Amino acid sequence: MKFKALAIDVDGVITKIHSAWRYVHECLNVQDKAKINAELYYNKKISYYKWAELDIKLWDKISYDELIKLFEKVEIRDYCKEFFDFLRNKKVKIIAISGGLTPLLETLAKKLYFDHYVANDLYFDDEGKLNGKFKINVTPTNKGKILANILSKLGINNKECIGIGDSDFDIPMLKICGYKIAFNPKNETLIKIADEVIYSDTFYELYEKIRKIL
């Protein structure tokens, strides 16, 4: 089968940080308070939306420019650039879907290339300061629906897409793909559904694998 698209998670896959949310918490030294919010969510005391709302409040009107400066320091894995350049040359549509934050993907898009990307939006006031408003586009369970909608608009069959992810959030996305790659997987179910499992600190092995199947 000829693959026409590739869907990929971002935090912990493309980037060396495992969560854009956690990274901002640590940069602003509010990780202890954020841990309390996380426990409330995982103990089913609050919704995913409420968790996001509480976390964003901890950032106390950080500006867009300040946030971008933080994200510009985020390291991507070695061979990422070569990997994405190869996909572009092969005319494969690149779709990044992240439960993280849109400003990080905006930053990465300057270094790499995405045909489409979806993450969670933050809103800023006229002075460029975070105003507390946000939009959750990506939840723990909807990556599959997001990908299916994008592929439909592109006229690409789900089975003509390669999926790459590392966590349970990525399972709905990988399930609809024709070829599934678990990259440094944190979830046993993800490993079970994967056609390929790769453990690596770089994209070299992934790059070599994709070269063989495209």
Protein backbone atom coordinates (compact mmCIF):
# COMPACT_ATOMS: atom_id res chain seq x y z
CA MET A 1 0.00 0.00 0.00
CA LYS A 2 1.18 3.49 -0.82
CA PHE A 3 1.08 5.76 2.21
CA LYS A 4 0.01 9.33 1.52
CA ALA A 5 -0.04 10.80 5.04
CA LEU A 6 1.68 10.54 8.40
CA ALA A 7 0.07 11.49 11.70
CA ILE A 8 2.36 12.11 14.64
CA ASP A 9 2.15 13.05 18.29
CA VAL A 10 4.41 15.89 19.43
CA ASP A 11 5.22 16.00 23.16
CA GLY A 12 7.68 13.23 23.98
CA VAL A 13 7.88 12.09 20.36
CA ILE A 14 9.19 15.03 18.33
CA THR A 15 10.30 16.90 21.45
CA LYS A 16 12.49 15.72 24.29
CA ILE A 17 10.02 17.16 26.80
CA HIS A 18 7.09 14.85 27.52
CA SER A 19 4.47 17.52 28.18
CA ALA A 20 4.25 21.15 27.05
CA TRP A 21 1.94 21.81 30.00
CA ARG A 22 4.40 20.36 32.51
CA TYR A 23 7.29 22.19 30.86
CA VAL A 24 5.58 25.58 31.36
CA HIS A 25 4.78 24.66 34.97
CA GLU A 26 8.43 23.87 35.62
CA CYS A 27 9.69 27.00 33.87
CA LEU A 28 7.37 29.14 36.02
CA ASN A 29 8.05 27.10 39.15
CA VAL A 30 4.41 26.19 39.76
CA GLN A 31 4.77 22.42 39.35
CA ASP A 32 3.77 21.68 42.96
CA LYS A 33 0.42 23.43 42.54
CA ALA A 34 -0.01 21.80 39.13
CA LYS A 35 0.53 18.39 40.70
CA ILE A 36 -2.51 18.99 42.93
CA ASN A 37 -4.61 19.80 39.83
CA ALA A 38 -3.41 16.62 38.13
CA GLU A 39 -4.33 14.51 41.15
CA LEU A 40 -7.82 16.01 41.16
CA TYR A 41 -8.25 15.02 37.51
CA TYR A 42 -6.84 11.50 37.81
CA ASN A 43 -8.95 10.93 40.92
CA LYS A 44 -11.98 11.94 38.83
CA LYS A 45 -12.76 14.95 40.99
CA ILE A 46 -12.64 17.41 38.07
CA SER A 47 -13.13 17.28 34.29
CA TYR A 48 -10.34 17.51 31.72
CA TYR A 49 -11.57 21.00 30.83
CA LYS A 50 -11.46 22.11 34.47
CA TRP A 51 -7.96 20.68 34.82
CA ALA A 52 -6.81 22.82 31.90
CA GLU A 53 -8.54 25.88 33.34
CA LEU A 54 -6.83 25.48 36.74
CA ASP A 55 -3.43 24.89 35.14
CA ILE A 56 -3.67 27.98 32.94
CA LYS A 57 -4.56 30.12 35.96
CA LEU A 58 -1.19 29.19 37.44
CA TRP A 59 0.60 30.97 34.61
CA ASP A 60 -0.53 34.41 35.78
CA LYS A 61 -0.85 36.34 32.53
CA ILE A 62 2.38 35.23 30.89
CA SER A 63 2.73 36.98 27.54
CA TYR A 64 2.66 35.27 24.15
CA ASP A 65 6.22 36.42 23.48
CA GLU A 66 7.43 35.04 26.81
CA LEU A 67 5.74 31.72 26.09
CA ILE A 68 7.31 31.51 22.64
CA LYS A 69 10.75 32.20 24.15
CA LEU A 70 10.23 29.27 26.50
CA PHE A 71 9.18 27.00 23.65
CA GLU A 72 12.11 28.07 21.48
CA LYS A 73 14.34 26.39 24.09
CA VAL A 74 12.58 23.04 23.72
CA GLU A 75 14.87 20.49 22.10
CA ILE A 76 13.74 18.25 19.27
CA ARG A 77 15.19 14.81 18.68
CA ASP A 78 18.19 14.28 16.42
CA TYR A 79 17.27 13.38 12.82
CA CYS A 80 13.88 15.13 13.13
CA LYS A 81 14.76 17.61 10.41
CA GLU A 82 15.96 14.88 8.05
CA PHE A 83 12.84 12.84 8.81
CA PHE A 84 10.42 15.66 7.97
CA ASP A 85 12.42 16.79 4.93
CA PHE A 86 12.23 13.23 3.59
CA LEU A 87 8.45 13.14 4.05
CA ARG A 88 8.07 16.46 2.24
CA ASN A 89 10.19 15.22 -0.66
CA LYS A 90 7.97 12.15 -0.88
CA LYS A 91 4.90 14.44 -0.89
CA VAL A 92 3.52 12.75 2.23
CA LYS A 93 1.06 14.93 4.14
CA ILE A 94 2.34 15.57 7.68
CA ILE A 95 -0.31 15.89 10.39
CA ALA A 96 0.75 16.76 13.95
CA ILE A 97 -1.89 16.18 16.63
CA SER A 98 -0.98 17.12 20.18
CA GLY A 99 -2.67 17.24 23.56
CA GLY A 100 -0.18 20.00 24.29
CA LEU A 101 -0.26 23.67 23.37
CA THR A 102 -0.64 25.39 20.02
CA PRO A 103 2.18 27.93 20.64
CA LEU A 104 4.65 25.04 20.86
CA LEU A 105 3.49 23.69 17.51
CA GLU A 106 3.71 27.18 16.02
CA THR A 107 7.31 27.29 17.21
CA LEU A 108 8.14 23.83 15.87
CA ALA A 109 6.55 24.64 12.52
CA LYS A 110 9.32 27.19 11.96
CA LYS A 111 11.96 24.45 12.30
CA LEU A 112 10.10 21.54 10.74
CA TYR A 113 7.09 21.35 8.44
CA PHE A 114 3.49 20.34 9.10
CA ASP A 115 0.73 20.33 6.52
CA HIS A 116 -1.76 20.39 9.38
CA TYR A 117 -1.43 20.66 13.13
CA VAL A 118 -3.93 20.62 15.97
CA ALA A 119 -3.31 21.32 19.66
CA ASN A 120 -4.97 23.30 22.44
CA ASP A 121 -5.36 27.04 21.94
CA LEU A 122 -4.51 29.79 24.39
CA TYR A 123 -5.92 33.31 24.05
CA PHE A 124 -4.23 36.61 24.79
CA ASP A 125 -5.43 40.16 25.46
CA ASP A 126 -4.59 43.29 23.47
CA GLU A 127 -1.30 43.61 25.34
CA GLY A 128 -0.33 40.06 24.42
CA LYS A 129 -0.91 38.70 27.93
CA LEU A 130 -2.63 35.41 28.62
CA ASN A 131 -6.25 36.27 29.42
CA GLY A 132 -7.30 32.94 30.93
CA LYS A 133 -9.39 31.89 27.94
CA PHE A 134 -8.54 28.74 26.02
CA LYS A 135 -9.95 26.13 23.68
CA ILE A 136 -9.45 22.40 24.18
CA ASN A 137 -9.24 20.93 20.69
CA VAL A 138 -7.49 17.71 21.68
CA THR A 139 -8.75 15.55 24.54
CA PRO A 140 -7.51 12.18 25.84
CA THR A 141 -9.94 10.38 23.53
CA ASN A 142 -10.53 12.37 20.31
CA LYS A 143 -7.29 12.16 18.32
CA GLY A 144 -8.82 9.49 16.09
CA LYS A 145 -11.78 11.71 15.18
CA ILE A 146 -9.50 14.69 14.52
CA LEU A 147 -7.28 12.64 12.21
CA ALA A 148 -10.23 11.07 10.39
CA ASN A 149 -11.69 14.52 9.69
CA ILE A 150 -8.40 15.86 8.34
CA LEU A 151 -7.81 12.81 6.15
CA SER A 152 -11.36 13.04 4.80
CA LYS A 153 -10.81 16.67 3.78
CA LEU A 154 -7.56 15.66 2.07
CA GLY A 155 -9.27 12.80 0.25
CA ILE A 156 -6.95 10.26 1.85
CA ASN A 157 -8.13 6.88 3.11
CA ASN A 158 -7.39 6.20 6.79
CA LYS A 159 -5.41 3.10 5.84
CA GLU A 160 -3.13 5.23 3.67
CA CYS A 161 -1.87 6.99 6.80
CA ILE A 162 1.03 6.05 9.09
CA GLY A 163 0.50 6.83 12.78
CA ILE A 164 3.21 7.50 15.37
CA GLY A 165 2.57 7.95 19.09
CA ASP A 166 3.84 7.17 22.58
CA SER A 167 0.89 7.23 25.01
CA ASP A 168 -2.69 6.11 25.61
CA PHE A 169 -3.85 9.46 24.17
CA ASP A 170 -2.51 8.25 20.81
CA ILE A 171 -4.34 4.91 20.72
CA PRO A 172 -7.52 6.29 19.01
CA MET A 173 -5.31 7.94 16.37
CA LEU A 174 -3.16 4.88 15.69
CA LYS A 175 -6.14 2.53 15.59
CA ILE A 176 -7.45 4.07 12.38
CA CYS A 177 -4.07 4.15 10.61
CA GLY A 178 -2.83 1.61 8.08
CA TYR A 179 0.56 1.34 9.77
CA LYS A 180 1.07 1.97 13.48
CA ILE A 181 4.37 2.85 15.15
CA ALA A 182 4.74 3.02 18.93
CA PHE A 183 7.70 5.30 19.67
CA ASN A 184 9.08 4.89 23.21
CA PRO A 185 5.62 3.65 24.27
CA LYS A 186 4.39 4.20 27.81
CA ASN A 187 1.31 2.04 27.40
CA GLU A 188 0.96 -1.74 27.01
CA THR A 189 -2.15 -1.42 24.84
CA LEU A 190 -0.26 0.86 22.45
CA ILE A 191 2.46 -1.79 22.12
CA LYS A 192 -0.13 -4.49 21.39
CA ILE A 193 -1.79 -2.60 18.53
CA ALA A 194 1.49 -1.38 16.98
CA ASP A 195 2.97 -2.83 13.79
CA GLU A 196 6.36 -1.53 14.89
CA VAL A 197 7.78 -0.61 18.30
CA ILE A 198 10.82 1.67 18.44
CA TYR A 199 12.80 2.64 21.52
CA SER A 200 15.27 5.41 20.78
CA ASP A 201 16.44 8.87 21.87
CA THR A 202 16.68 9.94 18.22
CA PHE A 203 14.62 9.70 15.03
CA TYR A 204 17.33 7.77 13.18
CA GLU A 205 15.72 4.32 13.47
CA LEU A 206 12.30 5.80 12.75
CA TYR A 207 13.69 7.63 9.72
CA GLU A 208 15.24 4.42 8.38
CA LYS A 209 12.01 2.50 8.91
CA ILE A 210 9.88 5.09 7.12
CA ARG A 211 12.33 5.16 4.21
CA LYS A 212 11.77 1.43 3.72
CA ILE A 213 7.98 1.52 3.72
CA LEU A 214 7.42 4.62 1.58
